[in-house]
């Protein structure tokens, strides 16, 4: 739900790449080429971005107010 700031395995900062990754995927680019362009080489960092699901809008629907 919340985008991780750093990779869980190696500690490399990856949070700032989330918007650029989403923009590349929205343009129907291949995930591999988008991550190569962003400079992500390690499989652990790639897994962080590929496995991230943005659920903030879904969770916000259940807010009590």
Protein backbone atom coordinates (compact mmCIF):
# COMPACT_ATOMS: atom_id res chain seq x y z
CA UNK A 1 0.00 0.00 0.00
CA UNK A 2 2.77 2.44 0.87
CA UNK A 3 5.65 2.53 -1.58
CA UNK A 4 8.85 1.35 0.14
CA UNK A 5 11.56 3.98 0.35
CA UNK A 6 14.40 1.45 0.25
CA UNK A 7 14.81 -2.06 -1.06
CA UNK A 8 14.19 -4.59 1.69
CA UNK A 9 17.21 -6.73 0.75
CA UNK A 10 20.02 -4.43 -0.31
CA UNK A 11 18.91 -1.04 1.04
CA UNK A 12 19.11 0.86 -2.24
CA UNK A 13 16.68 3.81 -2.43
CA UNK A 14 13.84 2.92 -4.81
CA UNK A 15 10.91 5.07 -3.60
CA UNK A 16 11.73 7.99 -5.88
CA UNK A 17 11.48 5.72 -8.95
CA UNK A 18 7.83 4.73 -8.42
CA UNK A 19 6.29 7.59 -10.42
CA UNK A 20 8.70 7.14 -13.33
CA UNK A 21 8.04 3.40 -13.32
CA UNK A 22 4.27 3.93 -13.45
CA UNK A 23 4.61 6.46 -16.27
CA UNK A 24 6.65 3.99 -18.31
CA UNK A 25 4.18 1.18 -17.74
CA UNK A 26 1.27 3.49 -18.64
CA UNK A 27 2.94 4.15 -21.99
CA UNK A 28 2.76 0.39 -22.72
CA UNK A 29 6.50 -0.11 -22.39
CA UNK A 30 7.92 -3.43 -21.28
CA UNK A 31 8.64 -3.56 -17.52
CA UNK A 32 12.16 -4.81 -18.21
CA UNK A 33 13.05 -1.87 -20.42
CA UNK A 34 11.54 0.64 -17.97
CA UNK A 35 13.60 -0.76 -15.10
CA UNK A 36 16.72 -0.83 -17.25
CA UNK A 37 16.19 2.85 -18.08
CA UNK A 38 15.78 3.64 -14.37
CA UNK A 39 19.06 1.90 -13.54
CA UNK A 40 17.64 -0.98 -11.51
CA UNK A 41 19.99 -3.92 -12.00
CA UNK A 42 19.43 -6.09 -8.94
CA UNK A 43 16.53 -8.52 -8.95
CA UNK A 44 15.58 -7.57 -5.39
CA UNK A 45 15.00 -3.93 -6.34
CA UNK A 46 13.09 -4.95 -9.46
CA UNK A 47 10.84 -7.19 -7.38
CA UNK A 48 10.00 -4.30 -5.05
CA UNK A 49 8.60 -2.22 -7.92
CA UNK A 50 6.94 -5.09 -9.77
CA UNK A 51 5.29 -6.43 -6.63
CA UNK A 52 3.96 -3.09 -5.44
CA UNK A 53 0.18 -2.66 -5.64
CA UNK A 54 -1.18 0.83 -5.10
CA UNK A 55 -4.18 0.36 -2.80
CA UNK A 56 -4.44 3.81 -1.24
CA UNK A 57 -7.67 4.65 -3.12
CA UNK A 58 -9.24 1.35 -2.12
CA UNK A 59 -8.28 1.81 1.54
CA UNK A 60 -9.51 5.42 1.54
CA UNK A 61 -13.03 4.24 0.68
CA UNK A 62 -13.29 2.60 4.12
CA UNK A 63 -12.20 5.61 6.14
CA UNK A 64 -14.55 6.48 8.97
CA UNK A 65 -15.60 10.10 8.85
